[in-house]
PDB file of N, CA and C in Angstrom:
ATOM      1  N   UNK A   1     137.519-131.419-112.445  1.00  0.00           N
ATOM      2  CA  UNK A   1     137.338-130.172-111.893  1.00  0.00           C
ATOM      3  C   UNK A   1     138.419-131.589-110.213  1.00  0.00           C
ATOM      4  N   UNK A   2     139.680-131.058-109.756  1.00  0.00           N
ATOM      5  CA  UNK A   2     140.243-131.782-109.025  1.00  0.00           C
ATOM      6  C   UNK A   2     140.207-131.394-107.635  1.00  0.00           C
ATOM      7  N   UNK A   3     140.011-132.429-106.839  1.00  0.00           N
ATOM      8  CA  UNK A   3     139.920-132.652-105.027  1.00  0.00           C
ATOM      9  C   UNK A   3     140.600-132.043-104.281  1.00  0.00           C
ATOM     10  N   UNK A   4     140.648-130.926-103.239  1.00  0.00           N
ATOM     11  CA  UNK A   4     141.662-130.390-102.454  1.00  0.00           C
ATOM     12  C   UNK A   4     142.425-131.847-101.490  1.00  0.00           C
ATOM     13  N   UNK A   5     143.618-131.497-101.912  1.00  0.00           N
ATOM     14  CA  UNK A   5     144.577-132.904-101.483  1.00  0.00           C
ATOM     15  C   UNK A   5     144.467-133.113 -99.851  1.00  0.00           C
ATOM     16  N   UNK A   6     144.330-131.484 -99.453  1.00  0.00           N
ATOM     17  CA  UNK A   6     143.944-131.105 -97.784  1.00  0.00           C
ATOM     18  C   UNK A   6     143.009-131.734 -97.043  1.00  0.00           C
ATOM     19  N   UNK A   7     142.017-131.780 -97.634  1.00  0.00           N
ATOM     20  CA  UNK A   7     140.385-131.819 -97.127  1.00  0.00           C
ATOM     21  C   UNK A   7     140.838-133.390 -96.511  1.00  0.00           C
ATOM     22  N   UNK A   8     139.947-132.915 -95.648  1.00  0.00           N
ATOM     23  CA  UNK A   8     140.183-133.563 -93.854  1.00  0.00           C
ATOM     24  C   UNK A   8     141.284-134.316 -93.504  1.00  0.00           C
ATOM     25  N   UNK A   9     142.601-133.528 -93.711  1.00  0.00           N
ATOM     26  CA  UNK A   9     143.654-133.949 -93.033  1.00  0.00           C
ATOM     27  C   UNK A   9     143.502-132.809 -91.868  1.00  0.00           C
ATOM     28  N   UNK A  10     143.833-133.713 -90.894  1.00  0.00           N
ATOM     29  CA  UNK A  10     143.775-133.087 -89.384  1.00  0.00           C
ATOM     30  C   UNK A  10     144.411-132.003 -89.061  1.00  0.00           C
ATOM     31  N   UNK A  11     143.925-130.979 -88.224  1.00  0.00           N
ATOM     32  CA  UNK A  11     144.771-130.087 -87.349  1.00  0.00           C
ATOM     33  C   UNK A  11     145.354-130.279 -86.071  1.00  0.00           C
ATOM     34  N   UNK A  12     146.510-129.556 -85.519  1.00  0.00           N
ATOM     35  CA  UNK A  12     146.982-129.509 -84.091  1.00  0.00           C
ATOM     36  C   UNK A  12     146.541-128.570 -83.582  1.00  0.00           C
ATOM     37  N   UNK A  13     146.450-128.188 -82.437  1.00  0.00           N
ATOM     38  CA  UNK A  13     146.073-126.880 -82.117  1.00  0.00           C
ATOM     39  C   UNK A  13     147.868-126.066 -81.109  1.00  0.00           C
ATOM     40  N   UNK A  14     148.128-125.473 -81.571  1.00  0.00           N
ATOM     41  CA  UNK A  14     149.391-125.054 -81.171  1.00  0.00           C
ATOM     42  C   UNK A  14     149.378-124.012 -80.133  1.00  0.00           C
ATOM     43  N   UNK A  15     148.252-123.373 -79.467  1.00  0.00           N
ATOM     44  CA  UNK A  15     148.111-122.943 -78.475  1.00  0.00           C
ATOM     45  C   UNK A  15     146.287-122.445 -77.856  1.00  0.00           C
ATOM     46  N   UNK A  16     146.032-122.446 -77.095  1.00  0.00           N
ATOM     47  CA  UNK A  16     144.663-121.407 -76.434  1.00  0.00           C
ATOM     48  C   UNK A  16     145.367-120.214 -76.154  1.00  0.00           C
ATOM     49  N   UNK A  17     144.295-119.064 -76.166  1.00  0.00           N
ATOM     50  CA  UNK A  17     144.468-117.651 -75.640  1.00  0.00           C
ATOM     51  C   UNK A  17     143.539-117.240 -75.587  1.00  0.00           C
ATOM     52  N   UNK A  18     143.078-116.367 -74.615  1.00  0.00           N
ATOM     53  CA  UNK A  18     142.019-115.426 -74.332  1.00  0.00           C
ATOM     54  C   UNK A  18     141.469-114.802 -75.262  1.00  0.00           C
ATOM     55  N   UNK A  19     142.428-113.942 -75.515  1.00  0.00           N
ATOM     56  CA  UNK A  19     142.403-112.662 -76.673  1.00  0.00           C
ATOM     57  C   UNK A  19     142.800-113.222 -78.217  1.00  0.00           C
ATOM     58  N   UNK A  20     142.113-112.387 -79.202  1.00  0.00           N
ATOM     59  CA  UNK A  20     142.679-112.745 -80.568  1.00  0.00           C
ATOM     60  C   UNK A  20     143.771-111.670 -80.671  1.00  0.00           C
ATOM     61  N   UNK A  21     143.981-111.005 -80.209  1.00  0.00           N
ATOM     62  CA  UNK A  21     145.840-110.381 -80.107  1.00  0.00           C
ATOM     63  C   UNK A  21     146.582-110.905 -79.965  1.00  0.00           C
ATOM     64  N   UNK A  22     146.087-111.825 -78.890  1.00  0.00           N
ATOM     65  CA  UNK A  22     147.363-112.669 -78.470  1.00  0.00           C
ATOM     66  C   UNK A  22     147.520-113.965 -79.572  1.00  0.00           C
ATOM     67  N   UNK A  23     146.720-114.588 -79.921  1.00  0.00           N
ATOM     68  CA  UNK A  23     146.370-115.870 -81.061  1.00  0.00           C
ATOM     69  C   UNK A  23     146.815-115.087 -82.015  1.00  0.00           C
ATOM     70  N   UNK A  24     146.912-113.901 -82.735  1.00  0.00           N
ATOM     71  CA  UNK A  24     147.031-113.758 -83.619  1.00  0.00           C
ATOM     72  C   UNK A  24     148.504-113.067 -84.162  1.00  0.00           C
ATOM     73  N   UNK A  25     148.886-113.319 -82.761  1.00  0.00           N
ATOM     74  CA  UNK A  25     150.534-112.885 -82.351  1.00  0.00           C
ATOM     75  C   UNK A  25     151.267-114.128 -82.830  1.00  0.00           C
ATOM     76  N   UNK A  26     150.712-115.216 -82.682  1.00  0.00           N
ATOM     77  CA  UNK A  26     150.753-116.380 -82.435  1.00  0.00           C
ATOM     78  C   UNK A  26     150.879-116.885 -84.233  1.00  0.00           C
ATOM     79  N   UNK A  27     149.784-116.703 -84.544  1.00  0.00           N
ATOM     80  CA  UNK A  27     149.446-117.466 -86.002  1.00  0.00           C
ATOM     81  C   UNK A  27     150.406-116.240 -86.798  1.00  0.00           C
ATOM     82  N   UNK A  28     150.770-115.326 -86.720  1.00  0.00           N
ATOM     83  CA  UNK A  28     151.993-114.483 -87.205  1.00  0.00           C
ATOM     84  C   UNK A  28     153.243-114.894 -87.637  1.00  0.00           C
ATOM     85  N   UNK A  29     153.652-115.979 -85.918  1.00  0.00           N
ATOM     86  CA  UNK A  29     154.697-116.204 -86.128  1.00  0.00           C
ATOM     87  C   UNK A  29     154.985-117.286 -86.584  1.00  0.00           C
ATOM     88  N   UNK A  30     153.875-117.980 -86.579  1.00  0.00           N
ATOM     89  CA  UNK A  30     154.058-119.530 -86.784  1.00  0.00           C
ATOM     90  C   UNK A  30     153.916-119.784 -88.432  1.00  0.00           C
ATOM     91  N   UNK A  31     152.623-118.805 -88.769  1.00  0.00           N
ATOM     92  CA  UNK A  31     152.614-118.404 -90.705  1.00  0.00           C
ATOM     93  C   UNK A  31     154.365-118.084 -91.632  1.00  0.00           C
ATOM     94  N   UNK A  32     155.414-117.746 -90.755  1.00  0.00           N
ATOM     95  CA  UNK A  32     156.408-117.868 -91.612  1.00  0.00           C
ATOM     96  C   UNK A  32     157.251-118.560 -91.661  1.00  0.00           C
ATOM     97  N   UNK A  33     156.578-119.858 -91.191  1.00  0.00           N
ATOM     98  CA  UNK A  33     157.162-121.308 -91.557  1.00  0.00           C
ATOM     99  C   UNK A  33     156.998-121.926 -92.999  1.00  0.00           C
ATOM    100  N   UNK A  34     157.485-122.293 -93.968  1.00  0.00           N
ATOM    101  CA  UNK A  34     156.846-122.672 -94.870  1.00  0.00           C
ATOM    102  C   UNK A  34     156.320-123.710 -94.875  1.00  0.00           C
ATOM    103  N   UNK A  35     155.326-124.446 -95.591  1.00  0.00           N
ATOM    104  CA  UNK A  35     154.609-126.022 -95.773  1.00  0.00           C
ATOM    105  C   UNK A  35     153.839-126.166 -94.377  1.00  0.00           C
ATOM    106  N   UNK A  36     153.249-124.677 -93.684  1.00  0.00           N
ATOM    107  CA  UNK A  36     152.445-125.189 -92.921  1.00  0.00           C
ATOM    108  C   UNK A  36     151.564-123.772 -93.067  1.00  0.00           C
ATOM    109  N   UNK A  37     149.965-124.404 -92.905  1.00  0.00           N
ATOM    110  CA  UNK A  37     149.259-123.560 -92.676  1.00  0.00           C
ATOM    111  C   UNK A  37     148.435-123.446 -91.184  1.00  0.00           C
ATOM    112  N   UNK A  38     147.979-122.203 -90.607  1.00  0.00           N
ATOM    113  CA  UNK A  38     147.617-121.795 -89.566  1.00  0.00           C
ATOM    114  C   UNK A  38     146.432-121.283 -89.517  1.00  0.00           C
ATOM    115  N   UNK A  39     145.592-121.261 -88.620  1.00  0.00           N
ATOM    116  CA  UNK A  39     144.167-120.123 -88.551  1.00  0.00           C
ATOM    117  C   UNK A  39     144.234-120.033 -87.004  1.00  0.00           C
ATOM    118  N   UNK A  40     142.909-119.379 -86.644  1.00  0.00           N
ATOM    119  CA  UNK A  40     142.717-119.220 -85.786  1.00  0.00           C
ATOM    120  C   UNK A  40     141.485-119.078 -85.507  1.00  0.00           C
ATOM    121  N   UNK A  41     140.976-120.055 -84.655  1.00  0.00           N
ATOM    122  CA  UNK A  41     139.423-120.129 -84.485  1.00  0.00           C
ATOM    123  C   UNK A  41     138.765-120.214 -83.300  1.00  0.00           C
ATOM    124  N   UNK A  42     137.461-119.259 -83.187  1.00  0.00           N
ATOM    125  CA  UNK A  42     136.977-118.689 -81.676  1.00  0.00           C
ATOM    126  C   UNK A  42     136.118-119.850 -81.423  1.00  0.00           C
ATOM    127  N   UNK A  43     135.869-119.537 -80.189  1.00  0.00           N
ATOM    128  CA  UNK A  43     135.660-120.722 -79.025  1.00  0.00           C
ATOM    129  C   UNK A  43     134.687-119.753 -77.438  1.00  0.00           C
ATOM    130  N   UNK A  44     134.491-120.909 -77.186  1.00  0.00           N
ATOM    131  CA  UNK A  44     133.490-120.033 -76.278  1.00  0.00           C
ATOM    132  C   UNK A  44     133.807-119.143 -75.466  1.00  0.00           C
ATOM    133  N   UNK A  45     135.719-120.102 -74.759  1.00  0.00           N
ATOM    134  CA  UNK A  45     136.510-119.322 -73.591  1.00  0.00           C
ATOM    135  C   UNK A  45     137.999-119.107 -75.094  1.00  0.00           C
ATOM    136  N   UNK A  46     137.562-118.435 -75.510  1.00  0.00           N
ATOM    137  CA  UNK A  46     139.011-117.838 -76.029  1.00  0.00           C
ATOM    138  C   UNK A  46     138.463-117.907 -77.081  1.00  0.00           C
ATOM    139  N   UNK A  47     140.290-118.338 -77.779  1.00  0.00           N
ATOM    140  CA  UNK A  47     140.661-118.126 -79.419  1.00  0.00           C
ATOM    141  C   UNK A  47     141.683-119.327 -79.310  1.00  0.00           C
ATOM    142  N   UNK A  48     141.637-120.383 -80.436  1.00  0.00           N
ATOM    143  CA  UNK A  48     142.409-121.036 -80.201  1.00  0.00           C
ATOM    144  C   UNK A  48     143.503-121.739 -81.578  1.00  0.00           C
ATOM    145  N   UNK A  49     144.704-121.067 -81.866  1.00  0.00           N
ATOM    146  CA  UNK A  49     145.775-121.506 -82.945  1.00  0.00           C
ATOM    147  C   UNK A  49     145.937-122.719 -83.678  1.00  0.00           C
ATOM    148  N   UNK A  50     145.383-123.142 -84.641  1.00  0.00           N
ATOM    149  CA  UNK A  50     145.123-124.410 -84.993  1.00  0.00           C
ATOM    150  C   UNK A  50     146.163-124.233 -86.001  1.00  0.00           C
ATOM    151  N   UNK A  51     147.284-125.077 -86.382  1.00  0.00           N
ATOM    152  CA  UNK A  51     148.280-125.573 -87.585  1.00  0.00           C
ATOM    153  C   UNK A  51     148.181-127.009 -88.047  1.00  0.00           C
ATOM    154  N   UNK A  52     148.238-127.243 -89.841  1.00  0.00           N
ATOM    155  CA  UNK A  52     149.103-128.157 -89.894  1.00  0.00           C
ATOM    156  C   UNK A  52     149.645-128.179 -91.380  1.00  0.00           C
ATOM    157  N   UNK A  53     150.264-129.329 -91.662  1.00  0.00           N
ATOM    158  CA  UNK A  53     151.354-129.311 -92.682  1.00  0.00           C
ATOM    159  C   UNK A  53     150.756-128.989 -94.096  1.00  0.00           C
ATOM    160  N   UNK A  54     151.219-128.490 -94.740  1.00  0.00           N
ATOM    161  CA  UNK A  54     151.076-129.330 -96.669  1.00  0.00           C
ATOM    162  C   UNK A  54     151.927-130.051 -96.952  1.00  0.00           C
ATOM    163  N   UNK A  55     152.569-130.220 -96.898  1.00  0.00           N
ATOM    164  CA  UNK A  55     153.283-131.494 -97.682  1.00  0.00           C
ATOM    165  C   UNK A  55     152.800-132.885 -97.819  1.00  0.00           C
ATOM    166  N   UNK A  56     151.967-133.453 -98.429  1.00  0.00           N
ATOM    167  CA  UNK A  56     151.946-135.112 -98.518  1.00  0.00           C
ATOM    168  C   UNK A  56     152.766-136.302 -98.617  1.00  0.00           C
ATOM    169  N   UNK A  57     152.441-136.813 -97.282  1.00  0.00           N
ATOM    170  CA  UNK A  57     153.403-138.287 -97.606  1.00  0.00           C
ATOM    171  C   UNK A  57     152.913-139.588 -98.302  1.00  0.00           C
ATOM    172  N   UNK A  58     153.566-139.833 -98.885  1.00  0.00           N
ATOM    173  CA  UNK A  58     153.148-140.973 -99.463  1.00  0.00           C
ATOM    174  C   UNK A  58     152.992-141.966 -98.535  1.00  0.00           C
ATOM    175  N   UNK A  59     152.519-143.085 -98.857  1.00  0.00           N
ATOM    176  CA  UNK A  59     152.244-144.349 -97.870  1.00  0.00           C
ATOM    177  C   UNK A  59     151.748-145.499 -98.771  1.00  0.00           C
ATOM    178  N   UNK A  60     153.050-145.856 -98.049  1.00  0.00           N
ATOM    179  CA  UNK A  60     153.144-147.372 -98.840  1.00  0.00           C
ATOM    180  C   UNK A  60     151.916-148.113 -98.718  1.00  0.00           C
ATOM    181  N   UNK A  61     151.494-148.689-100.047  1.00  0.00           N
ATOM    182  CA  UNK A  61     150.118-149.221 -99.959  1.00  0.00           C
ATOM    183  C   UNK A  61     148.930-148.391 -99.115  1.00  0.00           C
ATOM    184  N   UNK A  62     147.787-148.990 -99.762  1.00  0.00           N
ATOM    185  CA  UNK A  62     146.805-148.711 -98.759  1.00  0.00           C
ATOM    186  C   UNK A  62     146.544-148.850 -97.676  1.00  0.00           C
ATOM    187  N   UNK A  63     145.809-148.082 -96.808  1.00  0.00           N
ATOM    188  CA  UNK A  63     145.227-148.771 -95.241  1.00  0.00           C
ATOM    189  C   UNK A  63     144.062-149.232 -95.764  1.00  0.00           C
ATOM    190  N   UNK A  64     143.609-150.059 -95.767  1.00  0.00           N
ATOM    191  CA  UNK A  64     141.866-150.732 -95.677  1.00  0.00           C
ATOM    192  C   UNK A  64     141.770-151.296 -94.754  1.00  0.00           C
ATOM    193  N   UNK A  65     140.081-151.624 -94.770  1.00  0.00           N
ATOM    194  CA  UNK A  65     139.233-151.873 -93.179  1.00  0.00           C
ATOM    195  C   UNK A  65     139.874-153.088 -93.105  1.00  0.00           C
ATOM    196  N   UNK A  66     139.656-153.695 -91.840  1.00  0.00           N
ATOM    197  CA  UNK A  66     139.595-155.370 -91.834  1.00  0.00           C
ATOM    198  C   UNK A  66     138.304-155.764 -92.837  1.00  0.00           C
ATOM    199  N   UNK A  67     137.444-155.241 -92.930  1.00  0.00           N
ATOM    200  CA  UNK A  67     136.182-155.443 -93.730  1.00  0.00           C
ATOM    201  C   UNK A  67     136.409-156.168 -94.802  1.00  0.00           C
ATOM    202  N   UNK A  68     137.217-155.101 -95.613  1.00  0.00           N
ATOM    203  CA  UNK A  68     136.848-154.903 -97.009  1.00  0.00           C
ATOM    204  C   UNK A  68     138.484-156.047 -97.026  1.00  0.00           C
ATOM    205  N   UNK A  69     139.280-156.367 -95.571  1.00  0.00           N
ATOM    206  CA  UNK A  69     140.557-157.093 -96.320  1.00  0.00           C
ATOM    207  C   UNK A  69     139.943-158.677 -96.459  1.00  0.00           C
ATOM    208  N   UNK A  70     138.803-158.727 -95.173  1.00  0.00           N
ATOM    209  CA  UNK A  70     138.090-160.555 -95.201  1.00  0.00           C
ATOM    210  C   UNK A  70     137.295-160.602 -96.232  1.00  0.00           C
ATOM    211  N   UNK A  71     136.944-159.387 -97.092  1.00  0.00           N
ATOM    212  CA  UNK A  71     136.010-159.483 -98.765  1.00  0.00           C
ATOM    213  C   UNK A  71     136.870-159.988 -99.761  1.00  0.00           C
ATOM    214  N   UNK A  72     137.956-159.241-100.140  1.00  0.00           N
ATOM    215  CA  UNK A  72     139.042-159.673-100.759  1.00  0.00           C
ATOM    216  C   UNK A  72     139.578-161.249-100.265  1.00  0.00           C
ATOM    217  N   UNK A  73     139.801-161.225 -99.508  1.00  0.00           N
ATOM    218  CA  UNK A  73     140.547-163.057 -99.306  1.00  0.00           C
ATOM    219  C   UNK A  73     139.313-163.530 -99.231  1.00  0.00           C
ATOM    220  N   UNK A  74     138.123-163.051 -99.253  1.00  0.00           N
ATOM    221  CA  UNK A  74     137.050-164.414 -99.505  1.00  0.00           C
ATOM    222  C   UNK A  74     137.116-164.423-101.078  1.00  0.00           C
ATOM    223  N   UNK A  75     137.207-163.394-101.818  1.00  0.00           N
ATOM    224  CA  UNK A  75     136.896-163.210-103.068  1.00  0.00           C
ATOM    225  C   UNK A  75     138.248-163.720-103.797  1.00  0.00           C
ATOM    226  N   UNK A  76     139.342-164.530-103.365  1.00  0.00           N
ATOM    227  CA  UNK A  76     140.469-164.316-103.816  1.00  0.00           C
ATOM    228  C   UNK A  76     140.761-166.452-103.914  1.00  0.00           C
ATOM    229  N   UNK A  77     139.655-166.950-103.330  1.00  0.00           N
ATOM    230  CA  UNK A  77     139.540-168.081-102.999  1.00  0.00           C
ATOM    231  C   UNK A  77     139.027-169.095-104.387  1.00  0.00           C
TER     232      UNK A  77
END
């Protein structure tokens, strides 16, 4: 079973609305774009429209924590 590659990717806030109808209109407007996920979240004070890109950018090299980098340097000696 393959893991979802978008799992853990951050969402960006596209707008905050007082009513679901206004948030839904914004969601429908944004969902027409390709490579974009859109959702409406209910919060204590209204609704929030959130988006994230579905394209995965390939990173050159791996980002490692400083602790891992130090351990590798110690092991290389």
